[in-house]
């Protein structure tokens, strides 16, 4: 067996070992965090419960709904709680093959992505949810009462959190594309009108079929696009200065 083949096999075994460790830690995290699913769900349900009339609670329609709701929450919690270990395993695997500037870029992208995703989730939880739930539950009458189901609410919550968290990654995506010289700031600015249309289409796909949540997702994405465009311009200017200095 050639040396190259031996190196490939060694890398694959290392990757397998690191993946196995990450999975074991994740499963243990699920088992432990299952005990915290109830208070976490109460926190997640607070925007809905605050919009409901006093004394109104959420319901479940099938016997296993609450158990599987708590299980899904534990799966999600463990994903976040064990992510430092998973990222460390990934970093330990790829870092030896990276240059110093690539390592710095990798760290910056990971940290910025996590922070922006959390910012998107916080915006959805503290701004979007109260507005959307208050508006729609306001149509309840004396004879028509809202009884939100636990299972459906969790699906809606996760869908919106993912949509807003993902949308807040736009500046990171544009920064990377500009850094790698795949796109230019001028080209992005010229296509702004197409970008606006696609952002509204993206918002319509990721959110429930109501205009409020769609607009509340599309507007931050437009703002984040402009922020990413400004960062791309600064990167291009820095690259041009470096090129001029080398010449």
C-alpha atoms as a PDB file:
ATOM      1  CA  UNK A   1       0.000   0.000   0.000  1.00  0.00           C
ATOM      2  CA  UNK A   2       1.387   3.412  -0.985  1.00  0.00           C
ATOM      3  CA  UNK A   3       2.172   6.127   1.541  1.00  0.00           C
ATOM      4  CA  UNK A   4      -0.582   8.339   0.098  1.00  0.00           C
ATOM      5  CA  UNK A   5      -3.165   5.579   0.601  1.00  0.00           C
ATOM      6  CA  UNK A   6      -1.985   5.018   4.146  1.00  0.00           C
ATOM      7  CA  UNK A   7      -2.328   8.737   4.907  1.00  0.00           C
ATOM      8  CA  UNK A   8      -5.855   8.786   3.502  1.00  0.00           C
ATOM      9  CA  UNK A   9      -6.854   5.770   5.596  1.00  0.00           C
ATOM     10  CA  UNK A  10      -5.310   7.338   8.700  1.00  0.00           C
ATOM     11  CA  UNK A  11      -7.260  10.578   8.105  1.00  0.00           C
ATOM     12  CA  UNK A  12     -10.497   8.638   7.575  1.00  0.00           C
ATOM     13  CA  UNK A  13      -9.957   6.714  10.803  1.00  0.00           C
ATOM     14  CA  UNK A  14      -9.266   9.952  12.645  1.00  0.00           C
ATOM     15  CA  UNK A  15     -12.445  11.485  11.203  1.00  0.00           C
ATOM     16  CA  UNK A  16     -14.446   8.386  12.178  1.00  0.00           C
ATOM     17  CA  UNK A  17     -13.105   8.541  15.730  1.00  0.00           C
ATOM     18  CA  UNK A  18     -13.927  12.238  16.092  1.00  0.00           C
ATOM     19  CA  UNK A  19     -17.426  11.770  14.653  1.00  0.00           C
ATOM     20  CA  UNK A  20     -18.051   8.843  17.008  1.00  0.00           C
ATOM     21  CA  UNK A  21     -17.018  10.926  20.009  1.00  0.00           C
ATOM     22  CA  UNK A  22     -19.265  13.824  18.913  1.00  0.00           C
ATOM     23  CA  UNK A  23     -22.257  11.496  18.465  1.00  0.00           C
ATOM     24  CA  UNK A  24     -21.737   9.852  21.874  1.00  0.00           C
ATOM     25  CA  UNK A  25     -21.524  13.235  23.604  1.00  0.00           C
ATOM     26  CA  UNK A  26     -24.638  14.392  21.718  1.00  0.00           C
ATOM     27  CA  UNK A  27     -26.666  11.335  22.794  1.00  0.00           C
ATOM     28  CA  UNK A  28     -25.580  11.790  26.408  1.00  0.00           C
ATOM     29  CA  UNK A  29     -26.598  15.431  26.141  1.00  0.00           C
ATOM     30  CA  UNK A  30     -30.067  14.433  24.942  1.00  0.00           C
ATOM     31  CA  UNK A  31     -30.491  12.063  27.887  1.00  0.00           C
ATOM     32  CA  UNK A  32     -29.469  14.741  30.398  1.00  0.00           C
ATOM     33  CA  UNK A  33     -31.296  17.681  28.828  1.00  0.00           C
ATOM     34  CA  UNK A  34     -34.570  15.772  28.551  1.00  0.00           C
ATOM     35  CA  UNK A  35     -35.025  16.802  32.205  1.00  0.00           C
ATOM     36  CA  UNK A  36     -34.910  20.472  31.177  1.00  0.00           C
ATOM     37  CA  UNK A  37     -37.333  20.259  28.259  1.00  0.00           C
ATOM     38  CA  UNK A  38     -40.387  21.397  30.243  1.00  0.00           C
ATOM     39  CA  UNK A  39     -38.995  24.757  31.495  1.00  0.00           C
ATOM     40  CA  UNK A  40     -37.429  25.385  28.097  1.00  0.00           C
ATOM     41  CA  UNK A  41     -40.751  24.824  26.367  1.00  0.00           C
ATOM     42  CA  UNK A  42     -42.420  27.201  28.824  1.00  0.00           C
ATOM     43  CA  UNK A  43     -39.864  29.823  27.789  1.00  0.00           C
ATOM     44  CA  UNK A  44     -40.488  29.073  24.110  1.00  0.00           C
ATOM     45  CA  UNK A  45     -44.269  29.274  24.592  1.00  0.00           C
ATOM     46  CA  UNK A  46     -44.172  32.573  26.518  1.00  0.00           C
ATOM     47  CA  UNK A  47     -44.870  34.821  23.456  1.00  0.00           C
ATOM     48  CA  UNK A  48     -47.958  32.764  22.618  1.00  0.00           C
ATOM     49  CA  UNK A  49     -49.178  32.500  26.214  1.00  0.00           C
ATOM     50  CA  UNK A  50     -48.728  36.245  26.753  1.00  0.00           C
ATOM     51  CA  UNK A  51     -50.916  36.927  23.713  1.00  0.00           C
ATOM     52  CA  UNK A  52     -53.676  34.569  24.880  1.00  0.00           C
ATOM     53  CA  UNK A  53     -56.468  35.768  27.196  1.00  0.00           C
ATOM     54  CA  UNK A  54     -55.824  35.303  30.903  1.00  0.00           C
ATOM     55  CA  UNK A  55     -56.494  31.773  32.083  1.00  0.00           C
ATOM     56  CA  UNK A  56     -56.084  30.257  28.618  1.00  0.00           C
ATOM     57  CA  UNK A  57     -53.519  27.493  28.225  1.00  0.00           C
ATOM     58  CA  UNK A  58     -52.130  25.411  25.383  1.00  0.00           C
ATOM     59  CA  UNK A  59     -53.486  21.931  24.617  1.00  0.00           C
ATOM     60  CA  UNK A  60     -52.284  18.673  23.103  1.00  0.00           C
ATOM     61  CA  UNK A  61     -54.483  16.663  20.772  1.00  0.00           C
ATOM     62  CA  UNK A  62     -52.831  13.240  20.980  1.00  0.00           C
ATOM     63  CA  UNK A  63     -51.462  11.420  24.034  1.00  0.00           C
ATOM     64  CA  UNK A  64     -47.793  11.226  22.842  1.00  0.00           C
ATOM     65  CA  UNK A  65     -47.629  14.868  21.681  1.00  0.00           C
ATOM     66  CA  UNK A  66     -46.107  16.310  24.861  1.00  0.00           C
ATOM     67  CA  UNK A  67     -43.517  13.538  25.184  1.00  0.00           C
ATOM     68  CA  UNK A  68     -42.339  13.926  21.594  1.00  0.00           C
ATOM     69  CA  UNK A  69     -42.370  17.706  21.965  1.00  0.00           C
ATOM     70  CA  UNK A  70     -40.035  17.445  24.953  1.00  0.00           C
ATOM     71  CA  UNK A  71     -37.892  14.928  23.072  1.00  0.00           C
ATOM     72  CA  UNK A  72     -37.512  17.283  20.098  1.00  0.00           C
ATOM     73  CA  UNK A  73     -36.534  20.081  22.466  1.00  0.00           C
ATOM     74  CA  UNK A  74     -33.913  17.843  24.112  1.00  0.00           C
ATOM     75  CA  UNK A  75     -32.529  16.939  20.690  1.00  0.00           C
ATOM     76  CA  UNK A  76     -32.260  20.617  19.804  1.00  0.00           C
ATOM     77  CA  UNK A  77     -30.809  21.631  23.170  1.00  0.00           C
ATOM     78  CA  UNK A  78     -28.155  18.933  22.976  1.00  0.00           C
ATOM     79  CA  UNK A  79     -27.227  20.108  19.481  1.00  0.00           C
ATOM     80  CA  UNK A  80     -26.422  23.572  20.854  1.00  0.00           C
ATOM     81  CA  UNK A  81     -25.029  22.432  24.207  1.00  0.00           C
ATOM     82  CA  UNK A  82     -22.562  19.973  22.657  1.00  0.00           C
ATOM     83  CA  UNK A  83     -21.686  22.167  19.666  1.00  0.00           C
ATOM     84  CA  UNK A  84     -18.421  23.408  21.276  1.00  0.00           C
ATOM     85  CA  UNK A  85     -17.197  19.810  21.449  1.00  0.00           C
ATOM     86  CA  UNK A  86     -18.327  19.132  17.883  1.00  0.00           C
ATOM     87  CA  UNK A  87     -16.676  22.317  16.615  1.00  0.00           C
ATOM     88  CA  UNK A  88     -13.485  21.435  18.498  1.00  0.00           C
ATOM     89  CA  UNK A  89     -13.395  17.999  16.889  1.00  0.00           C
ATOM     90  CA  UNK A  90     -13.943  19.560  13.470  1.00  0.00           C
ATOM     91  CA  UNK A  91     -11.291  22.184  14.141  1.00  0.00           C
ATOM     92  CA  UNK A  92      -8.767  19.605  15.346  1.00  0.00           C
ATOM     93  CA  UNK A  93      -9.313  17.645  12.133  1.00  0.00           C
ATOM     94  CA  UNK A  94      -9.043  20.499   9.600  1.00  0.00           C
ATOM     95  CA  UNK A  95      -6.641  22.889  11.373  1.00  0.00           C
ATOM     96  CA  UNK A  96      -3.400  21.004  10.557  1.00  0.00           C
ATOM     97  CA  UNK A  97      -4.092  21.466   6.843  1.00  0.00           C
ATOM     98  CA  UNK A  98      -4.802  25.205   7.005  1.00  0.00           C
ATOM     99  CA  UNK A  99      -2.510  28.209   6.692  1.00  0.00           C
ATOM    100  CA  UNK A 100      -2.425  30.807   9.458  1.00  0.00           C
ATOM    101  CA  UNK A 101      -4.682  33.256   7.568  1.00  0.00           C
ATOM    102  CA  UNK A 102      -7.124  30.437   6.745  1.00  0.00           C
ATOM    103  CA  UNK A 103      -7.292  29.445  10.412  1.00  0.00           C
ATOM    104  CA  UNK A 104      -8.087  33.031  11.353  1.00  0.00           C
ATOM    105  CA  UNK A 105     -10.799  33.230   8.687  1.00  0.00           C
ATOM    106  CA  UNK A 106     -12.301  29.901   9.815  1.00  0.00           C
ATOM    107  CA  UNK A 107     -12.504  31.040  13.431  1.00  0.00           C
ATOM    108  CA  UNK A 108     -14.006  34.375  12.425  1.00  0.00           C
ATOM    109  CA  UNK A 109     -16.658  32.737  10.227  1.00  0.00           C
ATOM    110  CA  UNK A 110     -17.684  30.203  12.887  1.00  0.00           C
ATOM    111  CA  UNK A 111     -17.935  32.744  15.720  1.00  0.00           C
ATOM    112  CA  UNK A 112     -19.700  35.362  13.576  1.00  0.00           C
ATOM    113  CA  UNK A 113     -22.142  32.787  12.183  1.00  0.00           C
ATOM    114  CA  UNK A 114     -23.136  31.603  15.660  1.00  0.00           C
ATOM    115  CA  UNK A 115     -23.576  35.154  16.966  1.00  0.00           C
ATOM    116  CA  UNK A 116     -25.627  36.263  13.958  1.00  0.00           C
ATOM    117  CA  UNK A 117     -27.801  33.156  14.126  1.00  0.00           C
ATOM    118  CA  UNK A 118     -28.514  33.865  17.806  1.00  0.00           C
ATOM    119  CA  UNK A 119     -29.251  37.499  16.947  1.00  0.00           C
ATOM    120  CA  UNK A 120     -31.780  36.376  14.339  1.00  0.00           C
ATOM    121  CA  UNK A 121     -33.438  34.045  16.827  1.00  0.00           C
ATOM    122  CA  UNK A 122     -33.575  36.788  19.464  1.00  0.00           C
ATOM    123  CA  UNK A 123     -35.140  39.186  16.948  1.00  0.00           C
ATOM    124  CA  UNK A 124     -37.806  36.600  16.113  1.00  0.00           C
ATOM    125  CA  UNK A 125     -38.536  35.801  19.776  1.00  0.00           C
ATOM    126  CA  UNK A 126     -38.645  39.315  21.218  1.00  0.00           C
ATOM    127  CA  UNK A 127     -39.955  41.322  18.236  1.00  0.00           C
ATOM    128  CA  UNK A 128     -41.701  39.156  15.653  1.00  0.00           C
ATOM    129  CA  UNK A 129     -43.518  36.638  17.839  1.00  0.00           C
ATOM    130  CA  UNK A 130     -45.322  39.162  20.075  1.00  0.00           C
ATOM    131  CA  UNK A 131     -46.499  41.166  17.059  1.00  0.00           C
ATOM    132  CA  UNK A 132     -47.653  38.170  15.015  1.00  0.00           C
ATOM    133  CA  UNK A 133     -49.376  36.299  17.856  1.00  0.00           C
ATOM    134  CA  UNK A 134     -51.069  39.402  19.262  1.00  0.00           C
ATOM    135  CA  UNK A 135     -52.403  40.310  15.816  1.00  0.00           C
ATOM    136  CA  UNK A 136     -53.833  36.905  14.916  1.00  0.00           C
ATOM    137  CA  UNK A 137     -55.170  36.047  18.361  1.00  0.00           C
ATOM    138  CA  UNK A 138     -56.923  39.405  18.370  1.00  0.00           C
ATOM    139  CA  UNK A 139     -59.541  37.918  16.039  1.00  0.00           C
ATOM    140  CA  UNK A 140     -60.853  35.663  18.817  1.00  0.00           C
ATOM    141  CA  UNK A 141     -64.385  36.389  19.955  1.00  0.00           C
ATOM    142  CA  UNK A 142     -66.693  35.262  22.704  1.00  0.00           C
ATOM    143  CA  UNK A 143     -67.748  32.284  20.596  1.00  0.00           C
ATOM    144  CA  UNK A 144     -64.402  31.651  18.840  1.00  0.00           C
ATOM    145  CA  UNK A 145     -61.552  30.898  21.244  1.00  0.00           C
ATOM    146  CA  UNK A 146     -57.930  30.146  20.430  1.00  0.00           C
ATOM    147  CA  UNK A 147     -56.540  26.871  21.813  1.00  0.00           C
ATOM    148  CA  UNK A 148     -53.017  26.504  20.390  1.00  0.00           C
ATOM    149  CA  UNK A 149     -51.715  22.926  20.257  1.00  0.00           C
ATOM    150  CA  UNK A 150     -48.304  22.123  21.719  1.00  0.00           C
ATOM    151  CA  UNK A 151     -47.075  20.095  18.728  1.00  0.00           C
ATOM    152  CA  UNK A 152     -48.082  22.647  16.095  1.00  0.00           C
ATOM    153  CA  UNK A 153     -46.679  25.535  18.117  1.00  0.00           C
ATOM    154  CA  UNK A 154     -43.270  23.867  18.416  1.00  0.00           C
ATOM    155  CA  UNK A 155     -43.151  23.313  14.645  1.00  0.00           C
ATOM    156  CA  UNK A 156     -44.054  26.958  14.002  1.00  0.00           C
ATOM    157  CA  UNK A 157     -41.556  28.185  16.606  1.00  0.00           C
ATOM    158  CA  UNK A 158     -38.657  26.186  15.182  1.00  0.00           C
ATOM    159  CA  UNK A 159     -39.523  27.107  11.618  1.00  0.00           C
ATOM    160  CA  UNK A 160     -39.539  30.826  12.359  1.00  0.00           C
ATOM    161  CA  UNK A 161     -36.421  30.665  14.538  1.00  0.00           C
ATOM    162  CA  UNK A 162     -34.564  28.831  11.775  1.00  0.00           C
ATOM    163  CA  UNK A 163     -35.804  31.272   9.126  1.00  0.00           C
ATOM    164  CA  UNK A 164     -34.709  34.367  11.043  1.00  0.00           C
ATOM    165  CA  UNK A 165     -31.466  32.797  12.238  1.00  0.00           C
ATOM    166  CA  UNK A 166     -30.577  31.765   8.692  1.00  0.00           C
ATOM    167  CA  UNK A 167     -31.494  35.165   7.253  1.00  0.00           C
ATOM    168  CA  UNK A 168     -29.109  36.911   9.642  1.00  0.00           C
ATOM    169  CA  UNK A 169     -26.213  34.995   8.027  1.00  0.00           C
ATOM    170  CA  UNK A 170     -26.450  37.177   4.900  1.00  0.00           C
ATOM    171  CA  UNK A 171     -23.537  39.506   5.864  1.00  0.00           C
ATOM    172  CA  UNK A 172     -21.278  36.478   6.476  1.00  0.00           C
ATOM    173  CA  UNK A 173     -22.167  34.972   3.095  1.00  0.00           C
ATOM    174  CA  UNK A 174     -21.542  38.229   1.231  1.00  0.00           C
ATOM    175  CA  UNK A 175     -18.293  38.801   3.132  1.00  0.00           C
ATOM    176  CA  UNK A 176     -16.986  35.349   2.182  1.00  0.00           C
ATOM    177  CA  UNK A 177     -18.015  35.765  -1.455  1.00  0.00           C
ATOM    178  CA  UNK A 178     -16.257  39.128  -1.597  1.00  0.00           C
ATOM    179  CA  UNK A 179     -13.185  37.786   0.222  1.00  0.00           C
ATOM    180  CA  UNK A 180     -12.900  34.943  -2.278  1.00  0.00           C
ATOM    181  CA  UNK A 181     -13.552  37.402  -5.139  1.00  0.00           C
ATOM    182  CA  UNK A 182     -16.531  35.366  -6.350  1.00  0.00           C
ATOM    183  CA  UNK A 183     -18.768  38.442  -6.441  1.00  0.00           C
ATOM    184  CA  UNK A 184     -18.097  42.166  -6.499  1.00  0.00           C
ATOM    185  CA  UNK A 185     -19.807  44.937  -4.570  1.00  0.00           C
ATOM    186  CA  UNK A 186     -20.607  46.743  -7.809  1.00  0.00           C
ATOM    187  CA  UNK A 187     -22.211  43.622  -9.265  1.00  0.00           C
ATOM    188  CA  UNK A 188     -24.317  43.108  -6.142  1.00  0.00           C
ATOM    189  CA  UNK A 189     -25.435  46.741  -6.185  1.00  0.00           C
ATOM    190  CA  UNK A 190     -26.487  46.481  -9.842  1.00  0.00           C
ATOM    191  CA  UNK A 191     -28.620  43.423  -9.053  1.00  0.00           C
ATOM    192  CA  UNK A 192     -30.230  44.979  -5.972  1.00  0.00           C
ATOM    193  CA  UNK A 193     -33.736  44.993  -7.473  1.00  0.00           C
ATOM    194  CA  UNK A 194     -33.495  41.257  -8.243  1.00  0.00           C
ATOM    195  CA  UNK A 195     -32.132  40.599  -4.774  1.00  0.00           C
ATOM    196  CA  UNK A 196     -35.123  42.387  -3.226  1.00  0.00           C
ATOM    197  CA  UNK A 197     -37.547  40.195  -5.172  1.00  0.00           C
ATOM    198  CA  UNK A 198     -35.712  36.989  -4.219  1.00  0.00           C
ATOM    199  CA  UNK A 199     -35.526  37.993  -0.560  1.00  0.00           C
ATOM    200  CA  UNK A 200     -39.296  38.419  -0.440  1.00  0.00           C
ATOM    201  CA  UNK A 201     -39.721  35.044  -2.177  1.00  0.00           C
ATOM    202  CA  UNK A 202     -37.322  33.495   0.346  1.00  0.00           C
ATOM    203  CA  UNK A 203     -39.272  35.067   3.209  1.00  0.00           C
ATOM    204  CA  UNK A 204     -42.561  33.760   1.802  1.00  0.00           C
ATOM    205  CA  UNK A 205     -41.149  30.216   1.603  1.00  0.00           C
ATOM    206  CA  UNK A 206     -39.700  30.139   5.111  1.00  0.00           C
ATOM    207  CA  UNK A 207     -42.543  31.786   7.004  1.00  0.00           C
ATOM    208  CA  UNK A 208     -46.223  30.886   7.462  1.00  0.00           C
ATOM    209  CA  UNK A 209     -48.596  32.187   4.775  1.00  0.00           C
ATOM    210  CA  UNK A 210     -49.216  35.580   6.350  1.00  0.00           C
ATOM    211  CA  UNK A 211     -47.965  38.956   5.178  1.00  0.00           C
ATOM    212  CA  UNK A 212     -46.857  40.147   8.620  1.00  0.00           C
ATOM    213  CA  UNK A 213     -44.205  37.514   9.305  1.00  0.00           C
ATOM    214  CA  UNK A 214     -43.080  37.650   5.681  1.00  0.00           C
ATOM    215  CA  UNK A 215     -42.504  41.410   5.812  1.00  0.00           C
ATOM    216  CA  UNK A 216     -40.881  41.170   9.250  1.00  0.00           C
ATOM    217  CA  UNK A 217     -38.405  38.670   7.799  1.00  0.00           C
ATOM    218  CA  UNK A 218     -37.831  40.394   4.452  1.00  0.00           C
ATOM    219  CA  UNK A 219     -37.064  43.850   5.897  1.00  0.00           C
ATOM    220  CA  UNK A 220     -34.209  42.678   8.179  1.00  0.00           C
ATOM    221  CA  UNK A 221     -32.808  40.672   5.261  1.00  0.00           C
ATOM    222  CA  UNK A 222     -32.751  43.822   3.125  1.00  0.00           C
ATOM    223  CA  UNK A 223     -30.944  45.706   5.897  1.00  0.00           C
ATOM    224  CA  UNK A 224     -28.473  42.844   6.335  1.00  0.00           C
ATOM    225  CA  UNK A 225     -27.899  42.739   2.579  1.00  0.00           C
ATOM    226  CA  UNK A 226     -26.940  46.407   2.621  1.00  0.00           C
ATOM    227  CA  UNK A 227     -24.623  45.784   5.588  1.00  0.00           C
ATOM    228  CA  UNK A 228     -23.003  42.906   3.729  1.00  0.00           C
ATOM    229  CA  UNK A 229     -22.652  45.126   0.663  1.00  0.00           C
ATOM    230  CA  UNK A 230     -20.814  47.766   2.715  1.00  0.00           C
ATOM    231  CA  UNK A 231     -18.482  45.114   4.135  1.00  0.00           C
ATOM    232  CA  UNK A 232     -17.831  43.787   0.620  1.00  0.00           C
ATOM    233  CA  UNK A 233     -16.863  47.295  -0.536  1.00  0.00           C
ATOM    234  CA  UNK A 234     -14.416  47.635   2.370  1.00  0.00           C
ATOM    235  CA  UNK A 235     -12.877  44.237   1.570  1.00  0.00           C
ATOM    236  CA  UNK A 236     -12.454  45.151  -2.087  1.00  0.00           C
ATOM    237  CA  UNK A 237     -10.855  48.461  -1.143  1.00  0.00           C
ATOM    238  CA  UNK A 238      -8.433  46.671   1.196  1.00  0.00           C
ATOM    239  CA  UNK A 239      -7.564  44.116  -1.490  1.00  0.00           C
ATOM    240  CA  UNK A 240      -6.915  46.890  -4.017  1.00  0.00           C
ATOM    241  CA  UNK A 241      -4.645  48.688  -1.554  1.00  0.00           C
ATOM    242  CA  UNK A 242      -2.697  45.469  -0.923  1.00  0.00           C
ATOM    243  CA  UNK A 243      -2.357  44.863  -4.658  1.00  0.00           C
ATOM    244  CA  UNK A 244      -1.153  48.436  -5.213  1.00  0.00           C
ATOM    245  CA  UNK A 245       1.371  48.102  -2.389  1.00  0.00           C
ATOM    246  CA  UNK A 246       2.783  44.866  -3.816  1.00  0.00           C
ATOM    247  CA  UNK A 247       3.131  46.399  -7.266  1.00  0.00           C
END
